[in-house]
N, C-alpha and C. Protein backbone atom coordinates (compact mmCIF):
# COMPACT_ATOMS: atom_id res chain seq x y z
N UNK A 1 134.43 -86.80 111.77
CA UNK A 1 134.19 -85.50 112.03
C UNK A 1 132.83 -85.11 111.75
N UNK A 2 132.15 -84.40 112.27
CA UNK A 2 131.01 -83.77 112.38
C UNK A 2 130.79 -82.72 110.95
N UNK A 3 129.91 -82.44 110.20
CA UNK A 3 129.84 -81.43 109.33
C UNK A 3 128.63 -80.72 109.60
N UNK A 4 129.05 -79.54 110.51
CA UNK A 4 128.03 -78.78 110.95
C UNK A 4 126.98 -77.88 110.00
N UNK A 5 125.98 -77.45 110.13
CA UNK A 5 125.05 -76.74 109.66
C UNK A 5 124.73 -75.72 110.44
N UNK A 6 125.37 -74.47 110.79
CA UNK A 6 125.20 -73.66 111.82
C UNK A 6 123.75 -72.99 111.50
N UNK A 7 123.33 -72.83 110.13
CA UNK A 7 122.06 -71.98 109.78
C UNK A 7 121.12 -72.59 110.33
N UNK A 8 121.03 -74.06 110.11
CA UNK A 8 120.01 -75.00 110.58
C UNK A 8 119.82 -75.07 112.08
N UNK A 9 120.74 -75.24 112.70
CA UNK A 9 120.92 -75.00 114.42
C UNK A 9 120.51 -73.76 114.60
N UNK A 10 120.89 -72.65 114.29
CA UNK A 10 120.15 -71.39 114.70
C UNK A 10 118.79 -71.07 114.49
N UNK A 11 118.23 -71.69 113.29
CA UNK A 11 116.92 -71.78 113.00
C UNK A 11 116.14 -72.62 113.97
N UNK A 12 116.67 -73.72 114.35
CA UNK A 12 115.93 -74.64 115.55
C UNK A 12 116.23 -73.84 116.92
N UNK A 13 117.17 -73.26 117.20
CA UNK A 13 117.12 -72.63 118.31
C UNK A 13 116.49 -71.28 118.77
N UNK A 14 115.86 -70.75 117.63
CA UNK A 14 115.27 -69.52 117.74
C UNK A 14 113.59 -69.72 117.18
N UNK A 15 113.44 -71.02 116.67
CA UNK A 15 112.17 -71.11 116.03
C UNK A 15 110.83 -70.88 117.05
N UNK A 16 109.87 -70.18 116.58
CA UNK A 16 108.61 -70.10 117.31
C UNK A 16 107.24 -70.21 116.42
N UNK A 17 106.51 -71.12 117.14
CA UNK A 17 105.23 -71.37 116.47
C UNK A 17 104.64 -69.87 116.65
N UNK A 18 103.70 -69.86 115.58
CA UNK A 18 102.91 -68.52 115.22
C UNK A 18 101.11 -69.15 115.73
N UNK A 19 100.90 -68.28 116.64
CA UNK A 19 99.30 -68.49 117.15
C UNK A 19 98.40 -68.60 115.97
N UNK A 20 97.84 -69.73 115.92
CA UNK A 20 97.07 -69.94 114.71
C UNK A 20 95.91 -68.65 114.39
N UNK A 21 95.25 -68.22 115.46
CA UNK A 21 94.36 -66.78 115.34
C UNK A 21 94.93 -65.73 114.78
N UNK A 22 96.39 -65.63 114.61
CA UNK A 22 96.92 -64.65 113.94
C UNK A 22 97.40 -64.80 112.67
N UNK A 23 97.30 -65.92 112.21
CA UNK A 23 97.41 -66.22 110.89
C UNK A 23 96.17 -65.83 109.87
N UNK A 24 96.89 -65.14 108.71
CA UNK A 24 95.92 -64.96 107.72
C UNK A 24 96.49 -65.02 106.42
N UNK A 25 95.62 -64.88 105.28
CA UNK A 25 96.13 -65.07 103.92
C UNK A 25 96.99 -63.92 103.58
N UNK A 26 97.88 -64.17 102.52
CA UNK A 26 97.95 -65.61 101.53
C UNK A 26 98.68 -66.49 102.39
N UNK A 27 98.30 -67.86 101.83
CA UNK A 27 98.66 -69.19 102.26
C UNK A 27 99.46 -69.71 101.28
N UNK A 28 100.27 -70.50 101.50
CA UNK A 28 101.03 -71.24 100.39
C UNK A 28 100.14 -71.95 99.41
N UNK A 29 100.37 -71.72 98.06
CA UNK A 29 99.62 -72.33 97.21
C UNK A 29 100.00 -73.96 97.09
N UNK A 30 99.89 -74.72 96.20
CA UNK A 30 99.98 -76.35 96.16
C UNK A 30 101.47 -76.09 95.86
N UNK A 31 101.86 -75.39 95.13
CA UNK A 31 103.41 -75.52 94.64
C UNK A 31 104.09 -75.19 96.00
N UNK A 32 103.77 -74.24 96.62
CA UNK A 32 104.66 -73.87 97.78
C UNK A 32 104.66 -74.73 98.97
N UNK A 33 103.24 -75.31 98.87
CA UNK A 33 103.12 -76.20 100.12
C UNK A 33 103.78 -77.69 99.82
N UNK A 34 104.07 -78.12 98.49
CA UNK A 34 104.57 -79.38 98.46
C UNK A 34 105.82 -79.63 98.89
N UNK A 35 106.95 -78.63 98.91
CA UNK A 35 108.14 -78.84 99.61
C UNK A 35 107.97 -78.98 101.18
N UNK A 36 107.13 -78.38 101.67
CA UNK A 36 106.77 -78.41 103.21
C UNK A 36 106.35 -79.89 103.35
N UNK A 37 105.52 -80.28 102.63
CA UNK A 37 105.04 -81.80 102.55
C UNK A 37 106.26 -82.63 102.52
N UNK A 38 106.83 -82.45 101.50
CA UNK A 38 108.14 -83.42 101.21
C UNK A 38 109.17 -83.22 102.22
N UNK A 39 109.34 -82.30 103.02
CA UNK A 39 110.17 -82.29 104.19
C UNK A 39 109.66 -82.99 105.44
N UNK A 40 108.27 -82.96 105.51
CA UNK A 40 107.76 -83.56 106.63
C UNK A 40 107.79 -85.18 106.60
N UNK A 41 107.34 -85.32 105.39
CA UNK A 41 107.68 -86.91 104.93
C UNK A 41 108.92 -87.67 105.09
N UNK A 42 109.94 -86.88 105.19
CA UNK A 42 111.33 -87.24 105.32
C UNK A 42 111.69 -87.69 106.79
N UNK A 43 110.51 -87.60 107.79
CA UNK A 43 110.79 -87.98 109.22
C UNK A 43 111.17 -89.05 109.35
N UNK A 44 111.75 -89.43 110.52
CA UNK A 44 111.97 -90.88 110.86
C UNK A 44 110.93 -91.84 110.83
N UNK A 45 110.93 -93.14 110.15
CA UNK A 45 109.96 -94.04 109.88
C UNK A 45 110.76 -95.30 109.64
N UNK A 46 110.69 -95.97 111.13
CA UNK A 46 111.19 -97.32 111.22
C UNK A 46 110.48 -98.21 110.38
N UNK A 47 111.05 -99.06 109.50
CA UNK A 47 110.22 -100.27 108.59
C UNK A 47 109.86 -99.34 107.43
N UNK A 48 109.94 -98.09 107.20
CA UNK A 48 109.56 -97.51 105.92
C UNK A 48 107.89 -97.76 105.76
N UNK A 49 107.17 -97.63 106.64
CA UNK A 49 105.85 -98.08 106.64
C UNK A 49 104.83 -96.77 106.21
N UNK A 50 105.53 -95.55 106.55
CA UNK A 50 104.89 -94.49 106.04
C UNK A 50 103.28 -94.43 107.03
N UNK A 51 103.39 -94.44 108.17
CA UNK A 51 102.50 -94.82 109.04
C UNK A 51 101.45 -93.60 109.29
N UNK A 52 101.37 -92.78 108.32
CA UNK A 52 100.83 -91.28 108.31
C UNK A 52 100.37 -90.93 106.92
N UNK A 53 99.69 -90.07 106.72
CA UNK A 53 99.04 -89.40 105.38
C UNK A 53 98.55 -88.07 105.63
N UNK A 54 98.45 -87.18 104.57
CA UNK A 54 98.29 -85.80 104.62
C UNK A 54 96.77 -85.63 104.18
N UNK A 55 95.99 -84.59 104.76
CA UNK A 55 94.53 -84.13 104.19
C UNK A 55 94.92 -82.75 104.38
N UNK A 56 95.09 -81.98 103.06
CA UNK A 56 95.04 -80.46 103.01
C UNK A 56 93.80 -79.97 102.98
N UNK A 57 93.50 -79.09 104.02
CA UNK A 57 92.22 -78.44 104.39
C UNK A 57 92.44 -77.04 103.81
N UNK A 58 91.64 -76.79 102.76
CA UNK A 58 91.82 -75.49 102.31
C UNK A 58 90.47 -74.46 102.68
N UNK A 59 90.18 -73.45 102.17
CA UNK A 59 89.19 -72.83 102.95
C UNK A 59 87.77 -73.24 102.88
N UNK A 60 87.29 -73.91 101.78
CA UNK A 60 85.90 -74.55 101.46
C UNK A 60 85.77 -75.55 102.61
N UNK A 61 86.98 -76.54 102.69
CA UNK A 61 86.97 -77.45 103.57
C UNK A 61 86.74 -77.20 105.01
N UNK A 62 87.51 -76.07 105.40
CA UNK A 62 87.56 -75.30 106.86
C UNK A 62 86.11 -75.01 107.18
N UNK A 63 85.68 -74.42 106.26
CA UNK A 63 84.24 -73.85 106.53
C UNK A 63 83.13 -75.06 106.64
N UNK A 64 83.52 -75.80 105.97
CA UNK A 64 82.48 -76.81 105.96
C UNK A 64 82.65 -77.69 107.54
N UNK A 65 83.78 -77.99 107.81
CA UNK A 65 84.21 -78.41 109.12
C UNK A 65 83.72 -77.52 110.29
N UNK A 66 83.79 -76.31 110.19
CA UNK A 66 83.48 -75.28 111.10
C UNK A 66 81.81 -75.45 111.04
N UNK A 67 81.13 -75.75 110.23
CA UNK A 67 79.88 -75.96 110.25
C UNK A 67 79.41 -77.01 110.84
N UNK A 68 80.10 -78.50 110.81
CA UNK A 68 79.86 -79.50 111.18
C UNK A 68 79.86 -79.48 112.94
N UNK A 69 81.04 -78.45 113.36
CA UNK A 69 81.25 -78.67 114.89
C UNK A 69 80.10 -78.62 115.81
N UNK A 70 79.29 -77.80 115.61
CA UNK A 70 78.12 -77.31 116.87
C UNK A 70 77.36 -78.75 116.64
N UNK A 71 76.85 -79.14 115.82
CA UNK A 71 75.88 -80.39 116.16
C UNK A 71 76.62 -81.52 116.81
N UNK A 72 78.06 -81.84 116.11
CA UNK A 72 78.50 -82.97 116.66
C UNK A 72 79.08 -82.52 118.19
N UNK A 73 79.63 -81.50 118.38
CA UNK A 73 79.91 -81.25 119.80
C UNK A 73 78.62 -81.24 120.85
N UNK A 74 77.27 -80.95 120.26
CA UNK A 74 76.18 -81.08 121.08
C UNK A 74 75.96 -82.32 121.14
N UNK A 75 76.06 -83.23 120.22
CA UNK A 75 75.79 -84.76 120.44
C UNK A 75 76.55 -85.36 121.27
N UNK A 76 77.70 -84.88 121.50
CA UNK A 76 78.80 -85.64 122.28
C UNK A 76 78.74 -84.88 123.89
N UNK A 77 77.80 -83.95 124.21
CA UNK A 77 77.75 -82.99 125.32
C UNK A 77 79.00 -82.16 125.55
N UNK A 78 79.66 -81.82 124.59
CA UNK A 78 80.93 -80.95 124.65
C UNK A 78 80.34 -79.58 125.35
N UNK A 79 81.00 -78.95 126.41
CA UNK A 79 80.72 -77.59 126.97
C UNK A 79 80.71 -76.63 125.57
N UNK A 80 79.77 -75.58 125.65
CA UNK A 80 79.61 -74.77 124.46
C UNK A 80 80.72 -73.82 124.43
N UNK A 81 81.66 -73.65 125.45
CA UNK A 81 82.76 -72.77 125.21
C UNK A 81 83.89 -73.64 124.52
N UNK A 82 83.78 -74.86 124.69
CA UNK A 82 84.74 -75.84 123.87
C UNK A 82 84.26 -76.07 122.45
N UNK A 83 83.16 -75.88 122.43
CA UNK A 83 82.49 -76.10 120.60
C UNK A 83 82.69 -74.76 120.00
N UNK A 84 82.48 -73.67 120.71
CA UNK A 84 82.88 -72.30 119.99
C UNK A 84 84.31 -72.32 119.75
N UNK A 85 85.40 -72.59 120.66
CA UNK A 85 86.75 -72.55 120.40
C UNK A 85 87.17 -73.63 119.19
N UNK A 86 86.66 -74.92 118.93
CA UNK A 86 86.81 -75.69 117.85
C UNK A 86 86.17 -75.21 116.69
N UNK A 87 84.90 -74.67 116.82
CA UNK A 87 84.54 -74.00 115.66
C UNK A 87 85.32 -72.80 115.09
N UNK A 88 85.83 -71.92 115.91
CA UNK A 88 86.66 -70.78 115.50
C UNK A 88 87.95 -71.20 114.91
N UNK A 89 88.29 -72.36 115.55
CA UNK A 89 89.93 -72.88 114.93
C UNK A 89 89.77 -73.10 113.39
N UNK A 90 88.58 -73.83 112.85
CA UNK A 90 88.35 -74.20 111.46
C UNK A 90 87.91 -72.77 110.98
N UNK A 91 87.01 -72.11 111.59
CA UNK A 91 86.40 -70.92 111.08
C UNK A 91 87.19 -69.82 110.39
N UNK A 92 88.53 -69.55 111.59
CA UNK A 92 89.32 -68.52 111.34
C UNK A 92 90.56 -68.65 110.16
N UNK A 93 90.69 -70.22 110.20
CA UNK A 93 91.58 -70.71 109.30
C UNK A 93 91.35 -70.39 107.68
N UNK A 94 92.59 -70.16 107.09
CA UNK A 94 92.69 -70.34 105.58
C UNK A 94 93.27 -71.44 105.10
N UNK A 95 94.22 -72.23 105.70
CA UNK A 95 94.59 -73.49 105.36
C UNK A 95 95.32 -74.02 106.56
N UNK A 96 95.01 -75.48 106.57
CA UNK A 96 95.41 -76.44 107.56
C UNK A 96 95.90 -77.60 106.94
N UNK A 97 96.84 -78.48 107.55
CA UNK A 97 96.93 -79.82 106.90
C UNK A 97 96.79 -80.67 108.04
N UNK A 98 96.06 -81.74 107.83
CA UNK A 98 95.74 -82.72 108.98
C UNK A 98 96.48 -84.00 108.84
N UNK A 99 97.63 -84.21 109.72
CA UNK A 99 98.28 -85.10 109.77
C UNK A 99 97.62 -86.47 110.34
N UNK A 100 97.59 -87.38 109.46
CA UNK A 100 96.75 -88.34 109.88
C UNK A 100 97.57 -89.80 110.16
N UNK A 101 97.68 -90.30 111.34
CA UNK A 101 98.16 -91.21 111.77
C UNK A 101 97.44 -92.40 111.47
N UNK A 102 98.29 -93.39 110.74
CA UNK A 102 97.69 -94.69 110.35
C UNK A 102 98.70 -96.07 110.93
N UNK A 103 98.56 -96.35 111.94
CA UNK A 103 99.52 -97.35 112.52
C UNK A 103 99.03 -98.67 111.93
N UNK A 104 100.19 -99.35 111.64
CA UNK A 104 99.72 -100.79 111.06
C UNK A 104 100.17 -101.88 112.03
N UNK A 105 99.45 -102.99 111.79
CA UNK A 105 99.93 -104.27 112.63
C UNK A 105 100.97 -104.65 111.94
N UNK A 106 102.25 -104.35 112.44
CA UNK A 106 103.60 -105.01 112.00
C UNK A 106 104.30 -105.45 113.39
N UNK A 107 104.64 -106.66 113.17
CA UNK A 107 105.35 -107.18 114.51
C UNK A 107 106.77 -106.55 114.69
N UNK A 108 107.50 -106.22 113.48
CA UNK A 108 108.44 -105.62 113.90
C UNK A 108 108.98 -104.32 114.10
N UNK A 109 107.64 -103.40 114.15
CA UNK A 109 107.64 -102.18 114.33
C UNK A 109 106.38 -101.79 115.30
N UNK A 110 106.68 -101.62 116.60
CA UNK A 110 105.43 -101.35 117.41
C UNK A 110 104.57 -100.30 117.44
N UNK A 111 103.49 -100.37 117.66
CA UNK A 111 102.33 -99.21 117.20
C UNK A 111 103.07 -97.81 117.59
N UNK A 112 103.64 -98.09 118.91
CA UNK A 112 103.80 -96.67 119.58
C UNK A 112 104.97 -96.11 118.79
N UNK A 113 106.14 -96.67 117.95
CA UNK A 113 106.97 -96.05 117.13
C UNK A 113 106.24 -95.37 115.93
N UNK A 114 104.98 -96.15 115.56
CA UNK A 114 104.63 -95.62 114.30
C UNK A 114 103.72 -94.34 114.56
N UNK A 115 103.06 -94.13 115.88
CA UNK A 115 102.64 -93.14 116.48
C UNK A 115 103.53 -91.72 116.66
N UNK A 116 104.73 -92.22 117.01
CA UNK A 116 105.66 -91.16 117.23
C UNK A 116 106.12 -90.50 115.97
N UNK A 117 106.23 -91.46 115.02
CA UNK A 117 106.83 -91.02 113.66
C UNK A 117 105.73 -89.84 113.17
N UNK A 118 104.27 -90.09 113.56
CA UNK A 118 103.34 -89.16 113.02
C UNK A 118 103.71 -88.00 113.67
N UNK A 119 104.04 -88.07 115.16
CA UNK A 119 104.47 -86.80 115.87
C UNK A 119 105.54 -86.10 115.19
N UNK A 120 106.41 -86.87 114.67
CA UNK A 120 107.52 -86.16 114.20
C UNK A 120 107.31 -85.61 112.84
N UNK A 121 106.49 -86.22 112.00
CA UNK A 121 105.85 -85.56 110.99
C UNK A 121 105.43 -84.16 111.07
N UNK A 122 104.66 -84.08 112.24
CA UNK A 122 103.92 -82.80 112.56
C UNK A 122 105.05 -81.84 112.91
N UNK A 123 105.90 -82.20 113.65
CA UNK A 123 107.13 -81.35 114.20
C UNK A 123 107.66 -80.78 112.82
N UNK A 124 108.17 -81.91 111.89
CA UNK A 124 108.89 -81.62 110.61
C UNK A 124 108.09 -80.67 109.91
N UNK A 125 106.87 -80.70 109.62
CA UNK A 125 105.96 -80.02 108.90
C UNK A 125 106.18 -78.54 109.49
N UNK A 126 105.75 -78.65 110.60
CA UNK A 126 105.61 -77.11 111.35
C UNK A 126 106.88 -76.22 111.09
N UNK A 127 108.03 -77.01 111.30
CA UNK A 127 109.37 -76.29 111.03
C UNK A 127 109.73 -75.80 109.57
N UNK A 128 109.15 -76.88 108.89
CA UNK A 128 109.33 -76.43 107.35
C UNK A 128 108.48 -75.53 106.98
N UNK A 129 107.52 -75.13 107.33
CA UNK A 129 106.67 -74.10 107.18
C UNK A 129 107.32 -72.70 107.72
N UNK A 130 107.62 -73.02 108.85
CA UNK A 130 108.24 -71.64 109.54
C UNK A 130 109.57 -71.57 108.62
N UNK A 131 110.56 -72.53 108.34
CA UNK A 131 111.59 -72.33 107.61
C UNK A 131 111.49 -71.93 106.18
N UNK A 132 110.18 -71.89 105.50
CA UNK A 132 110.07 -71.38 104.35
C UNK A 132 109.51 -69.88 104.68
N UNK A 133 109.30 -69.74 105.71
CA UNK A 133 108.68 -68.05 105.79
C UNK A 133 107.43 -67.82 106.13
N UNK A 134 106.56 -69.06 106.22
CA UNK A 134 105.31 -68.75 106.59
C UNK A 134 104.94 -68.69 108.34
N UNK A 135 103.96 -68.43 108.87
CA UNK A 135 103.66 -68.97 110.18
C UNK A 135 103.11 -70.03 110.21
N UNK A 136 103.04 -70.72 111.13
CA UNK A 136 102.50 -72.12 111.51
C UNK A 136 102.25 -72.38 112.99
N UNK A 137 101.28 -73.23 113.19
CA UNK A 137 101.02 -73.72 114.41
C UNK A 137 100.47 -74.99 114.30
N UNK A 138 100.77 -75.80 115.19
CA UNK A 138 100.23 -77.29 115.49
C UNK A 138 99.18 -77.36 116.52
N UNK A 139 98.03 -77.63 115.99
CA UNK A 139 96.96 -77.70 116.96
C UNK A 139 96.16 -79.01 116.77
N UNK A 140 95.11 -79.11 118.02
CA UNK A 140 94.29 -80.55 117.88
C UNK A 140 92.95 -79.89 118.36
N UNK A 141 92.54 -80.49 119.06
CA UNK A 141 91.05 -79.99 119.94
C UNK A 141 90.29 -81.20 119.83
N UNK A 142 89.05 -81.30 120.48
CA UNK A 142 88.30 -82.46 120.60
C UNK A 142 87.80 -82.96 119.43
N UNK A 143 87.25 -82.14 118.32
CA UNK A 143 86.88 -82.76 117.10
C UNK A 143 87.84 -83.65 116.45
N UNK A 144 89.10 -83.11 116.57
CA UNK A 144 90.30 -83.92 115.83
C UNK A 144 90.37 -85.10 116.70
N UNK A 145 90.04 -85.19 117.84
CA UNK A 145 90.08 -86.52 118.68
C UNK A 145 89.12 -87.43 118.78
N UNK A 146 87.87 -86.79 118.20
CA UNK A 146 86.76 -87.81 117.85
C UNK A 146 86.64 -88.67 116.67
N UNK A 147 86.68 -89.82 117.01
CA UNK A 147 86.83 -90.49 115.66
C UNK A 147 85.44 -90.57 114.85
N UNK A 148 84.19 -90.04 115.40
CA UNK A 148 83.00 -89.98 114.58
C UNK A 148 83.24 -88.77 113.77
N UNK A 149 83.71 -87.50 114.33
CA UNK A 149 84.02 -86.56 113.58
C UNK A 149 85.01 -86.71 112.37
N UNK A 150 85.89 -87.41 112.77
CA UNK A 150 87.24 -87.62 111.50
C UNK A 150 86.85 -88.69 110.53
N UNK A 151 85.78 -89.50 110.93
CA UNK A 151 85.57 -90.38 109.87
C UNK A 151 84.61 -89.84 109.29
N UNK A 152 83.46 -89.23 109.69
CA UNK A 152 82.33 -88.57 108.82
C UNK A 152 82.79 -87.16 108.03
N UNK A 153 83.55 -86.50 108.68
CA UNK A 153 83.82 -85.38 108.24
C UNK A 153 85.13 -85.14 107.38
N UNK A 154 86.19 -86.06 107.55
CA UNK A 154 87.20 -86.05 106.86
C UNK A 154 87.66 -87.57 106.10
N UNK A 155 86.83 -88.24 106.40
CA UNK A 155 87.00 -89.50 105.49
C UNK A 155 88.10 -90.76 106.15
N UNK A 156 88.53 -90.41 107.54
CA UNK A 156 89.39 -91.27 107.86
C UNK A 156 88.85 -92.82 108.27
N UNK A 157 89.78 -93.80 107.96
CA UNK A 157 89.42 -94.95 107.91
C UNK A 157 89.50 -95.42 109.52
N UNK A 158 88.86 -96.63 109.84
CA UNK A 158 88.89 -97.17 111.00
C UNK A 158 90.59 -97.52 111.41
N UNK A 159 90.85 -97.20 112.70
CA UNK A 159 92.16 -97.27 113.11
C UNK A 159 92.91 -95.92 112.51
N UNK A 160 92.71 -94.96 111.88
CA UNK A 160 93.22 -93.84 111.64
C UNK A 160 92.92 -92.85 112.49
N UNK A 161 93.88 -91.79 113.06
CA UNK A 161 93.25 -90.83 113.89
C UNK A 161 94.29 -89.44 113.36
N UNK A 162 93.71 -88.41 114.07
CA UNK A 162 94.40 -87.12 113.64
C UNK A 162 95.67 -86.64 114.64
N UNK A 163 96.91 -86.78 114.18
CA UNK A 163 98.07 -86.57 114.84
C UNK A 163 97.98 -85.19 115.06
N UNK A 164 97.87 -84.22 114.17
CA UNK A 164 97.81 -82.77 114.55
C UNK A 164 97.15 -82.09 113.32
N UNK A 165 96.89 -80.86 113.58
CA UNK A 165 96.24 -79.96 112.66
C UNK A 165 97.35 -78.97 112.45
N UNK A 166 98.12 -78.86 111.37
CA UNK A 166 99.14 -77.74 111.15
C UNK A 166 98.76 -76.48 110.26
N UNK A 167 98.46 -75.66 110.95
CA UNK A 167 97.62 -74.48 110.32
C UNK A 167 98.97 -73.30 109.72
N UNK A 168 98.82 -73.19 108.51
CA UNK A 168 99.99 -72.37 108.03
C UNK A 168 99.38 -71.02 107.38
N UNK A 169 100.19 -69.93 107.41
CA UNK A 169 99.39 -68.95 106.72
C UNK A 169 100.52 -67.75 106.86
N UNK A 170 100.17 -66.63 106.87
CA UNK A 170 101.04 -65.42 106.88
C UNK A 170 100.77 -64.81 108.03
N UNK A 171 101.73 -64.66 109.00
CA UNK A 171 101.63 -64.25 110.22
C UNK A 171 101.24 -62.47 110.19
N UNK A 172 100.25 -62.10 111.23
CA UNK A 172 99.97 -60.57 111.26
C UNK A 172 100.90 -60.06 111.99
N UNK A 173 101.77 -60.75 112.87
CA UNK A 173 102.64 -60.17 113.64
C UNK A 173 103.92 -61.23 114.17
N UNK A 174 104.94 -60.63 114.69
CA UNK A 174 106.07 -61.54 115.13
C UNK A 174 105.15 -62.36 116.11
N UNK A 175 105.64 -63.73 116.45
CA UNK A 175 105.01 -64.66 117.43
C UNK A 175 105.70 -64.12 118.50
N UNK A 176 104.85 -64.29 119.73
CA UNK A 176 105.30 -63.83 120.90
C UNK A 176 106.38 -65.04 121.60
N UNK A 177 107.37 -64.31 122.28
CA UNK A 177 108.48 -65.44 122.86
C UNK A 177 107.93 -65.64 124.18
N UNK A 178 108.35 -66.93 124.49
CA UNK A 178 107.59 -67.77 125.57
C UNK A 178 108.77 -68.18 126.55
N UNK A 179 108.63 -68.36 127.79
CA UNK A 179 109.52 -69.24 128.70
C UNK A 179 109.99 -70.50 127.97
N UNK A 180 111.10 -70.66 128.01
CA UNK A 180 111.56 -72.10 127.52
C UNK A 180 111.94 -73.01 128.64
N UNK A 181 112.09 -74.25 128.62
CA UNK A 181 112.30 -75.24 129.32
C UNK A 181 113.88 -75.10 130.24
N UNK A 182 113.80 -75.29 131.40
CA UNK A 182 115.32 -75.17 132.20
C UNK A 182 116.07 -76.49 131.72
N UNK A 183 116.85 -76.47 130.85
CA UNK A 183 117.39 -77.55 130.38
C UNK A 183 118.25 -78.42 131.72
N UNK A 184 118.71 -77.76 132.47
CA UNK A 184 119.38 -78.44 133.79
C UNK A 184 118.25 -79.35 134.41
N UNK A 185 117.04 -78.84 134.54
CA UNK A 185 115.85 -79.42 135.25
C UNK A 185 115.26 -80.73 134.41
N UNK A 186 115.73 -80.72 133.18
CA UNK A 186 115.01 -81.80 132.42
C UNK A 186 115.95 -82.95 131.75
N UNK A 187 117.18 -82.77 132.12
CA UNK A 187 118.27 -83.18 131.56
C UNK A 187 119.11 -84.24 132.45
N UNK A 188 119.28 -85.38 132.39
CA UNK A 188 120.27 -86.47 133.45
C UNK A 188 121.10 -86.69 132.44
N UNK A 189 122.47 -86.86 133.11
CA UNK A 189 123.53 -87.21 132.32
C UNK A 189 124.01 -88.71 132.76
N UNK A 190 124.28 -89.60 132.32
CA UNK A 190 124.65 -90.86 132.93
C UNK A 190 125.90 -91.08 132.14
N UNK A 191 126.99 -91.51 133.05
CA UNK A 191 128.23 -91.89 132.28
C UNK A 191 128.78 -93.02 132.58
N UNK A 192 128.06 -93.99 133.49
CA UNK A 192 128.34 -95.41 133.55
C UNK A 192 126.85 -96.13 133.51
């Protein structure tokens, strides 16, 4: 017999990400961030490999990343608009957590399952931040997908990559509602 948790289900059915550019200080301090990280770390993890880790980016680190974006973007030939957008993502943030995927070579657990686990961590962290009363948004961008930037600026090892940047802060206003998928259009029921 199921043991429902209607409050948790109601939260999941009504949750909305907060646009990162509308987040401001205050942000969670280390004590407030810890349970959010703990909730994220409880994500499904076949083989108990922990194929992910966290880098908490506080204000000073975000300013340093913002300053590094233009030169790296120019070296890669990125369009100036995309460089500006990526730089703003770091410059306007007060706190972000980089979820670093670190798939391991394990015969029992395919790499794709480990990568999907890192994505589940991003979702769990986003929802834990929202459930804690903060605004939060999961972003990425060209710099987070560039191994050179990630290794030089964030110290990622060979084979690691950023699964997501979870921005967390105080929302300036309620996040906008958006159209949701048509469940009937995306669901197939098989009974045999």
